[in-house]
Amino acid sequence: KTHHWHMALETYEALRRVSKGSPDAQSLCTVTTALSRAKKIGIAEKIVRDNEKCNTVVYNSLLDGYASQGAWEKALEALWDMHRRSLTPDITTYTNMINACSARFDNSRHPTPRPWRLAAAIYNRLSDRFPSPPPSTFPPL
């Protein structure tokens, strides 16, 4: 439940003490997801940026939180942070980025074209990295 985010944070702190540093990536992903769903994205951000064990899946949970808030600028910063850490984006990363850009465009009274152009650029990058299978491989309708 989203109102139990503090329990996830307490568990994270306990794991940090036990592991004498950073918990494993699965624990980081769990706490990041819980915090993002509870709209505590700032805390999730700090946890991700302060931990060296973050992987693409952890960043994807953070990007999902940004997407739910339409925070495309923050999502772009996280994508650059992934690049600095030599993490490879996957299809979920790109989907979350497109969602972050689209949510901002759809929810704004005066949308700026920049996030929409960014979403289109990400989609083009996505289609280059993950090409569609040939039409003959699709099952018949």
N, C-alpha and C. Protein backbone atom coordinates (compact mmCIF):
# COMPACT_ATOMS: atom_id res chain seq x y z
N LYS A 1 0.85 -1.18 0.00
CA LYS A 1 0.00 0.00 0.00
C LYS A 1 0.89 1.25 0.00
N THR A 2 0.40 2.27 -0.66
CA THR A 2 1.22 3.48 -0.79
C THR A 2 1.40 4.21 0.52
N HIS A 3 0.50 4.02 1.47
CA HIS A 3 0.65 4.73 2.74
C HIS A 3 1.61 4.00 3.70
N HIS A 4 2.20 2.90 3.26
CA HIS A 4 3.17 2.18 4.08
C HIS A 4 4.61 2.40 3.59
N TRP A 5 4.82 3.52 2.90
CA TRP A 5 6.15 3.79 2.36
C TRP A 5 7.20 3.89 3.46
N HIS A 6 6.79 4.38 4.63
CA HIS A 6 7.76 4.51 5.72
C HIS A 6 8.29 3.16 6.17
N MET A 7 7.47 2.10 6.05
CA MET A 7 7.95 0.76 6.40
C MET A 7 9.03 0.30 5.43
N ALA A 8 8.85 0.61 4.16
CA ALA A 8 9.86 0.26 3.16
C ALA A 8 11.16 1.01 3.45
N LEU A 9 11.04 2.27 3.83
CA LEU A 9 12.23 3.06 4.15
C LEU A 9 12.93 2.53 5.40
N GLU A 10 12.17 2.15 6.42
CA GLU A 10 12.76 1.56 7.63
C GLU A 10 13.47 0.25 7.30
N THR A 11 12.86 -0.57 6.45
CA THR A 11 13.47 -1.83 6.05
C THR A 11 14.77 -1.58 5.29
N TYR A 12 14.75 -0.58 4.42
CA TYR A 12 15.96 -0.21 3.67
C TYR A 12 17.07 0.20 4.64
N GLU A 13 16.74 1.05 5.61
CA GLU A 13 17.75 1.49 6.58
C GLU A 13 18.31 0.32 7.37
N ALA A 14 17.45 -0.63 7.75
CA ALA A 14 17.91 -1.82 8.47
C ALA A 14 18.83 -2.66 7.60
N LEU A 15 18.46 -2.84 6.34
CA LEU A 15 19.31 -3.59 5.42
C LEU A 15 20.66 -2.91 5.21
N ARG A 16 20.64 -1.59 5.18
CA ARG A 16 21.88 -0.83 5.03
C ARG A 16 22.81 -1.07 6.21
N ARG A 17 22.22 -1.09 7.41
CA ARG A 17 23.05 -1.34 8.61
C ARG A 17 23.61 -2.76 8.60
N VAL A 18 22.78 -3.73 8.24
CA VAL A 18 23.20 -5.13 8.25
C VAL A 18 24.27 -5.38 7.18
N SER A 19 24.08 -4.80 6.00
CA SER A 19 25.02 -5.05 4.90
C SER A 19 26.25 -4.14 4.98
N LYS A 20 26.29 -3.26 5.98
CA LYS A 20 27.39 -2.32 6.16
C LYS A 20 27.67 -1.52 4.89
N GLY A 21 26.64 -0.99 4.33
CA GLY A 21 26.76 -0.19 3.11
C GLY A 21 25.46 -0.18 2.35
N SER A 22 25.54 -0.59 1.13
CA SER A 22 24.38 -0.56 0.25
C SER A 22 23.72 -1.93 0.16
N PRO A 23 22.39 -1.98 0.32
CA PRO A 23 21.69 -3.26 0.11
C PRO A 23 21.79 -3.70 -1.35
N ASP A 24 21.35 -4.91 -1.63
CA ASP A 24 21.41 -5.42 -2.99
C ASP A 24 20.41 -4.69 -3.90
N ALA A 25 20.55 -4.90 -5.19
CA ALA A 25 19.74 -4.19 -6.18
C ALA A 25 18.25 -4.50 -6.03
N GLN A 26 17.91 -5.74 -5.68
CA GLN A 26 16.49 -6.09 -5.53
C GLN A 26 15.86 -5.30 -4.38
N SER A 27 16.56 -5.16 -3.28
CA SER A 27 16.04 -4.37 -2.15
C SER A 27 15.93 -2.89 -2.54
N LEU A 28 16.92 -2.39 -3.28
CA LEU A 28 16.87 -1.01 -3.73
C LEU A 28 15.68 -0.78 -4.65
N CYS A 29 15.42 -1.73 -5.53
CA CYS A 29 14.28 -1.63 -6.44
C CYS A 29 12.97 -1.62 -5.66
N THR A 30 12.85 -2.46 -4.67
CA THR A 30 11.63 -2.55 -3.87
C THR A 30 11.35 -1.24 -3.14
N VAL A 31 12.36 -0.69 -2.49
CA VAL A 31 12.14 0.55 -1.74
C VAL A 31 11.90 1.72 -2.69
N THR A 32 12.59 1.75 -3.83
CA THR A 32 12.39 2.82 -4.81
C THR A 32 10.97 2.78 -5.36
N THR A 33 10.48 1.60 -5.66
CA THR A 33 9.11 1.45 -6.16
C THR A 33 8.10 1.91 -5.11
N ALA A 34 8.28 1.48 -3.87
CA ALA A 34 7.35 1.88 -2.80
C ALA A 34 7.33 3.39 -2.61
N LEU A 35 8.50 3.99 -2.60
CA LEU A 35 8.58 5.45 -2.42
C LEU A 35 7.99 6.19 -3.62
N SER A 36 8.25 5.70 -4.82
CA SER A 36 7.71 6.35 -6.01
C SER A 36 6.19 6.30 -6.03
N ARG A 37 5.63 5.16 -5.68
CA ARG A 37 4.17 5.03 -5.66
C ARG A 37 3.52 5.91 -4.60
N ALA A 38 4.27 6.18 -3.54
CA ALA A 38 3.75 7.02 -2.46
C ALA A 38 4.04 8.50 -2.72
N LYS A 39 4.52 8.81 -3.91
CA LYS A 39 4.83 10.20 -4.29
C LYS A 39 5.95 10.79 -3.43
N LYS A 40 6.85 9.94 -2.97
CA LYS A 40 8.03 10.37 -2.21
C LYS A 40 9.26 10.21 -3.10
N ILE A 41 9.14 10.75 -4.30
CA ILE A 41 10.16 10.56 -5.32
C ILE A 41 11.50 11.17 -4.93
N GLY A 42 11.48 12.25 -4.15
CA GLY A 42 12.73 12.87 -3.71
C GLY A 42 13.58 11.94 -2.86
N ILE A 43 12.92 11.18 -2.00
CA ILE A 43 13.65 10.21 -1.16
C ILE A 43 14.18 9.08 -2.04
N ALA A 44 13.36 8.62 -2.98
CA ALA A 44 13.79 7.56 -3.89
C ALA A 44 15.00 8.01 -4.71
N GLU A 45 14.96 9.25 -5.18
CA GLU A 45 16.08 9.82 -5.93
C GLU A 45 17.38 9.74 -5.14
N LYS A 46 17.31 10.19 -3.90
CA LYS A 46 18.50 10.23 -3.05
C LYS A 46 19.06 8.81 -2.85
N ILE A 47 18.18 7.86 -2.62
CA ILE A 47 18.62 6.48 -2.41
C ILE A 47 19.33 5.95 -3.66
N VAL A 48 18.75 6.20 -4.82
CA VAL A 48 19.35 5.71 -6.07
C VAL A 48 20.70 6.38 -6.32
N ARG A 49 20.76 7.67 -6.16
CA ARG A 49 22.00 8.39 -6.46
C ARG A 49 23.11 8.07 -5.46
N ASP A 50 22.74 7.68 -4.22
CA ASP A 50 23.75 7.42 -3.19
C ASP A 50 24.22 5.97 -3.14
N ASN A 51 23.69 5.12 -4.00
CA ASN A 51 24.03 3.70 -3.94
C ASN A 51 24.72 3.24 -5.21
N GLU A 52 25.85 2.58 -5.02
CA GLU A 52 26.61 2.09 -6.16
C GLU A 52 26.07 0.79 -6.73
N LYS A 53 25.19 0.11 -6.02
CA LYS A 53 24.67 -1.17 -6.49
C LYS A 53 23.43 -1.04 -7.37
N CYS A 54 23.07 0.18 -7.71
CA CYS A 54 21.90 0.39 -8.56
C CYS A 54 22.17 -0.16 -9.96
N ASN A 55 21.17 -0.83 -10.50
CA ASN A 55 21.27 -1.35 -11.85
C ASN A 55 20.13 -0.77 -12.70
N THR A 56 19.98 -1.26 -13.89
CA THR A 56 18.95 -0.75 -14.80
C THR A 56 17.56 -0.92 -14.21
N VAL A 57 17.30 -2.04 -13.55
CA VAL A 57 15.97 -2.30 -12.98
C VAL A 57 15.65 -1.28 -11.89
N VAL A 58 16.62 -0.93 -11.06
CA VAL A 58 16.41 0.08 -10.02
C VAL A 58 16.10 1.43 -10.66
N TYR A 59 16.86 1.78 -11.67
CA TYR A 59 16.59 3.05 -12.37
C TYR A 59 15.21 3.02 -13.04
N ASN A 60 14.81 1.86 -13.55
CA ASN A 60 13.49 1.77 -14.17
C ASN A 60 12.38 2.05 -13.16
N SER A 61 12.55 1.61 -11.92
CA SER A 61 11.52 1.91 -10.91
C SER A 61 11.48 3.39 -10.60
N LEU A 62 12.65 4.04 -10.60
CA LEU A 62 12.70 5.48 -10.39
C LEU A 62 12.06 6.20 -11.58
N LEU A 63 12.38 5.76 -12.79
CA LEU A 63 11.80 6.37 -13.99
C LEU A 63 10.28 6.19 -14.04
N ASP A 64 9.81 5.06 -13.55
CA ASP A 64 8.36 4.84 -13.48
C ASP A 64 7.71 5.87 -12.56
N GLY A 65 8.37 6.18 -11.45
CA GLY A 65 7.86 7.22 -10.55
C GLY A 65 7.83 8.58 -11.22
N TYR A 66 8.88 8.90 -11.97
CA TYR A 66 8.90 10.17 -12.70
C TYR A 66 7.79 10.20 -13.75
N ALA A 67 7.59 9.08 -14.42
CA ALA A 67 6.54 9.00 -15.45
C ALA A 67 5.17 9.24 -14.85
N SER A 68 4.93 8.68 -13.66
CA SER A 68 3.62 8.85 -13.03
C SER A 68 3.36 10.31 -12.64
N GLN A 69 4.43 11.08 -12.51
CA GLN A 69 4.29 12.50 -12.16
C GLN A 69 4.53 13.43 -13.35
N GLY A 70 4.83 12.85 -14.50
CA GLY A 70 5.11 13.67 -15.67
C GLY A 70 6.37 14.50 -15.54
N ALA A 71 7.31 14.02 -14.74
CA ALA A 71 8.55 14.75 -14.47
C ALA A 71 9.61 14.37 -15.51
N TRP A 72 9.41 14.82 -16.74
CA TRP A 72 10.29 14.42 -17.83
C TRP A 72 11.71 14.95 -17.65
N GLU A 73 11.87 16.14 -17.03
CA GLU A 73 13.21 16.67 -16.84
C GLU A 73 14.01 15.80 -15.88
N LYS A 74 13.35 15.38 -14.80
CA LYS A 74 14.01 14.50 -13.82
C LYS A 74 14.32 13.15 -14.45
N ALA A 75 13.40 12.65 -15.27
CA ALA A 75 13.61 11.37 -15.95
C ALA A 75 14.83 11.45 -16.87
N LEU A 76 14.97 12.57 -17.55
CA LEU A 76 16.12 12.76 -18.43
C LEU A 76 17.42 12.81 -17.62
N GLU A 77 17.38 13.47 -16.47
CA GLU A 77 18.57 13.49 -15.59
C GLU A 77 18.95 12.08 -15.15
N ALA A 78 17.93 11.28 -14.80
CA ALA A 78 18.20 9.90 -14.38
C ALA A 78 18.78 9.08 -15.53
N LEU A 79 18.28 9.31 -16.74
CA LEU A 79 18.82 8.61 -17.91
C LEU A 79 20.29 8.95 -18.11
N TRP A 80 20.66 10.22 -17.95
CA TRP A 80 22.06 10.63 -18.05
C TRP A 80 22.88 10.01 -16.93
N ASP A 81 22.29 9.92 -15.73
CA ASP A 81 22.98 9.29 -14.61
C ASP A 81 23.26 7.82 -14.92
N MET A 82 22.29 7.14 -15.54
CA MET A 82 22.51 5.75 -15.97
C MET A 82 23.69 5.68 -16.93
N HIS A 83 23.73 6.59 -17.86
CA HIS A 83 24.82 6.63 -18.85
C HIS A 83 26.17 6.82 -18.14
N ARG A 84 26.22 7.73 -17.17
CA ARG A 84 27.46 7.97 -16.43
C ARG A 84 27.91 6.72 -15.67
N ARG A 85 26.94 5.92 -15.24
CA ARG A 85 27.27 4.69 -14.52
C ARG A 85 27.48 3.50 -15.45
N SER A 86 27.45 3.75 -16.74
CA SER A 86 27.61 2.70 -17.77
C SER A 86 26.54 1.62 -17.68
N LEU A 87 25.32 2.03 -17.34
CA LEU A 87 24.19 1.10 -17.31
C LEU A 87 23.48 1.15 -18.66
N THR A 88 23.08 0.01 -19.15
CA THR A 88 22.44 -0.08 -20.46
C THR A 88 20.92 0.01 -20.30
N PRO A 89 20.30 1.00 -20.92
CA PRO A 89 18.84 1.10 -20.88
C PRO A 89 18.22 -0.11 -21.60
N ASP A 90 17.06 -0.51 -21.13
CA ASP A 90 16.34 -1.59 -21.79
C ASP A 90 14.98 -1.06 -22.28
N ILE A 91 14.15 -1.93 -22.76
CA ILE A 91 12.87 -1.50 -23.32
C ILE A 91 11.99 -0.83 -22.26
N THR A 92 12.09 -1.28 -21.01
CA THR A 92 11.32 -0.66 -19.92
C THR A 92 11.82 0.76 -19.66
N THR A 93 13.12 0.96 -19.74
CA THR A 93 13.69 2.30 -19.57
C THR A 93 13.10 3.25 -20.60
N TYR A 94 13.13 2.84 -21.85
CA TYR A 94 12.61 3.69 -22.91
C TYR A 94 11.11 3.92 -22.78
N THR A 95 10.38 2.90 -22.40
CA THR A 95 8.93 3.04 -22.22
C THR A 95 8.63 4.04 -21.11
N ASN A 96 9.36 3.94 -20.00
CA ASN A 96 9.16 4.90 -18.90
C ASN A 96 9.52 6.32 -19.33
N MET A 97 10.56 6.46 -20.12
CA MET A 97 10.94 7.79 -20.61
C MET A 97 9.84 8.37 -21.50
N ILE A 98 9.33 7.56 -22.41
CA ILE A 98 8.25 8.02 -23.28
C ILE A 98 7.03 8.40 -22.45
N ASN A 99 6.70 7.58 -21.46
CA ASN A 99 5.56 7.89 -20.59
C ASN A 99 5.76 9.18 -19.82
N ALA A 100 6.97 9.41 -19.33
CA ALA A 100 7.25 10.66 -18.60
C ALA A 100 7.04 11.87 -19.49
N CYS A 101 7.54 11.78 -20.71
CA CYS A 101 7.39 12.89 -21.66
C CYS A 101 5.94 13.07 -22.09
N SER A 102 5.26 11.98 -22.33
CA SER A 102 3.87 12.04 -22.78
C SER A 102 2.94 12.54 -21.68
N ALA A 103 3.19 12.13 -20.45
CA ALA A 103 2.33 12.56 -19.34
C ALA A 103 2.42 14.06 -19.17
N ARG A 104 3.60 14.60 -19.29
CA ARG A 104 3.77 16.05 -19.17
C ARG A 104 3.05 16.76 -20.30
N PHE A 105 3.12 16.20 -21.48
CA PHE A 105 2.48 16.82 -22.63
C PHE A 105 0.96 16.74 -22.50
N ASP A 106 0.45 15.60 -22.06
CA ASP A 106 -0.99 15.41 -21.96
C ASP A 106 -1.62 16.18 -20.80
N ASN A 107 -0.86 16.42 -19.71
CA ASN A 107 -1.44 17.03 -18.52
C ASN A 107 -1.25 18.54 -18.45
N SER A 108 -0.62 19.13 -19.42
CA SER A 108 -0.32 20.54 -19.36
C SER A 108 -1.36 21.35 -20.13
N ARG A 109 -1.76 22.49 -19.57
CA ARG A 109 -2.67 23.38 -20.29
C ARG A 109 -1.97 24.01 -21.48
N HIS A 110 -0.69 24.27 -21.31
CA HIS A 110 0.12 24.87 -22.37
C HIS A 110 1.34 23.99 -22.58
N PRO A 111 1.14 22.87 -23.26
CA PRO A 111 2.27 21.95 -23.41
C PRO A 111 3.39 22.55 -24.25
N THR A 112 4.59 22.27 -23.81
CA THR A 112 5.74 22.69 -24.59
C THR A 112 6.10 21.54 -25.52
N PRO A 113 6.58 21.85 -26.70
CA PRO A 113 6.89 20.77 -27.64
C PRO A 113 8.13 19.97 -27.26
N ARG A 114 8.97 20.50 -26.37
CA ARG A 114 10.23 19.82 -26.06
C ARG A 114 10.03 18.39 -25.54
N PRO A 115 9.16 18.16 -24.52
CA PRO A 115 9.02 16.77 -24.08
C PRO A 115 8.43 15.87 -25.16
N TRP A 116 7.57 16.43 -25.99
CA TRP A 116 6.97 15.62 -27.04
C TRP A 116 8.03 15.23 -28.07
N ARG A 117 8.90 16.18 -28.42
CA ARG A 117 9.99 15.87 -29.35
C ARG A 117 10.95 14.85 -28.72
N LEU A 118 11.18 15.00 -27.43
CA LEU A 118 12.05 14.05 -26.73
C LEU A 118 11.43 12.65 -26.77
N ALA A 119 10.13 12.55 -26.53
CA ALA A 119 9.45 11.26 -26.58
C ALA A 119 9.59 10.64 -27.97
N ALA A 120 9.45 11.45 -29.01
CA ALA A 120 9.60 10.94 -30.37
C ALA A 120 11.02 10.46 -30.62
N ALA A 121 12.00 11.21 -30.12
CA ALA A 121 13.40 10.80 -30.30
C ALA A 121 13.69 9.50 -29.56
N ILE A 122 13.12 9.36 -28.37
CA ILE A 122 13.32 8.12 -27.60
C ILE A 122 12.66 6.95 -28.32
N TYR A 123 11.47 7.19 -28.87
CA TYR A 123 10.79 6.14 -29.61
C TYR A 123 11.63 5.69 -30.81
N ASN A 124 12.20 6.66 -31.52
CA ASN A 124 13.05 6.32 -32.66
C ASN A 124 14.26 5.51 -32.23
N ARG A 125 14.85 5.88 -31.10
CA ARG A 125 15.98 5.13 -30.56
C ARG A 125 15.54 3.72 -30.17
N LEU A 126 14.36 3.63 -29.58
CA LEU A 126 13.81 2.34 -29.17
C LEU A 126 13.61 1.45 -30.38
N SER A 127 13.03 1.99 -31.44
CA SER A 127 12.77 1.16 -32.62
C SER A 127 14.07 0.74 -33.30
N ASP A 128 15.14 1.53 -33.15
CA ASP A 128 16.44 1.14 -33.69
C ASP A 128 17.05 0.00 -32.88
N ARG A 129 16.90 0.05 -31.57
CA ARG A 129 17.52 -0.96 -30.69
C ARG A 129 16.72 -2.24 -30.62
N PHE A 130 15.39 -2.13 -30.71
CA PHE A 130 14.51 -3.29 -30.57
C PHE A 130 13.61 -3.37 -31.79
N PRO A 131 14.14 -3.79 -32.93
CA PRO A 131 13.33 -3.81 -34.14
C PRO A 131 12.18 -4.81 -34.02
N SER A 132 11.11 -4.51 -34.72
CA SER A 132 9.95 -5.40 -34.74
C SER A 132 10.32 -6.68 -35.48
N PRO A 133 9.71 -7.80 -35.08
CA PRO A 133 9.96 -9.03 -35.82
C PRO A 133 9.31 -8.94 -37.20
N PRO A 134 9.77 -9.73 -38.14
CA PRO A 134 9.14 -9.71 -39.47
C PRO A 134 7.65 -10.05 -39.36
N PRO A 135 6.83 -9.48 -40.22
CA PRO A 135 5.37 -9.69 -40.12
C PRO A 135 4.98 -11.16 -40.17
N SER A 136 5.76 -12.00 -40.85
CA SER A 136 5.39 -13.41 -40.95
C SER A 136 5.46 -14.15 -39.64
N THR A 137 6.13 -13.59 -38.61
CA THR A 137 6.24 -14.28 -37.32
C THR A 137 5.05 -14.01 -36.41
N PHE A 138 4.20 -13.06 -36.78
CA PHE A 138 3.03 -12.78 -35.95
C PHE A 138 2.00 -13.87 -36.14
N PRO A 139 1.32 -14.29 -35.06
CA PRO A 139 0.28 -15.31 -35.22
C PRO A 139 -0.90 -14.72 -35.99
N PRO A 140 -1.63 -15.55 -36.73
CA PRO A 140 -2.79 -15.04 -37.48
C PRO A 140 -3.86 -14.54 -36.52
N LEU A 141 -4.61 -13.54 -36.98
CA LEU A 141 -5.69 -12.98 -36.15
C LEU A 141 -6.93 -13.82 -36.21
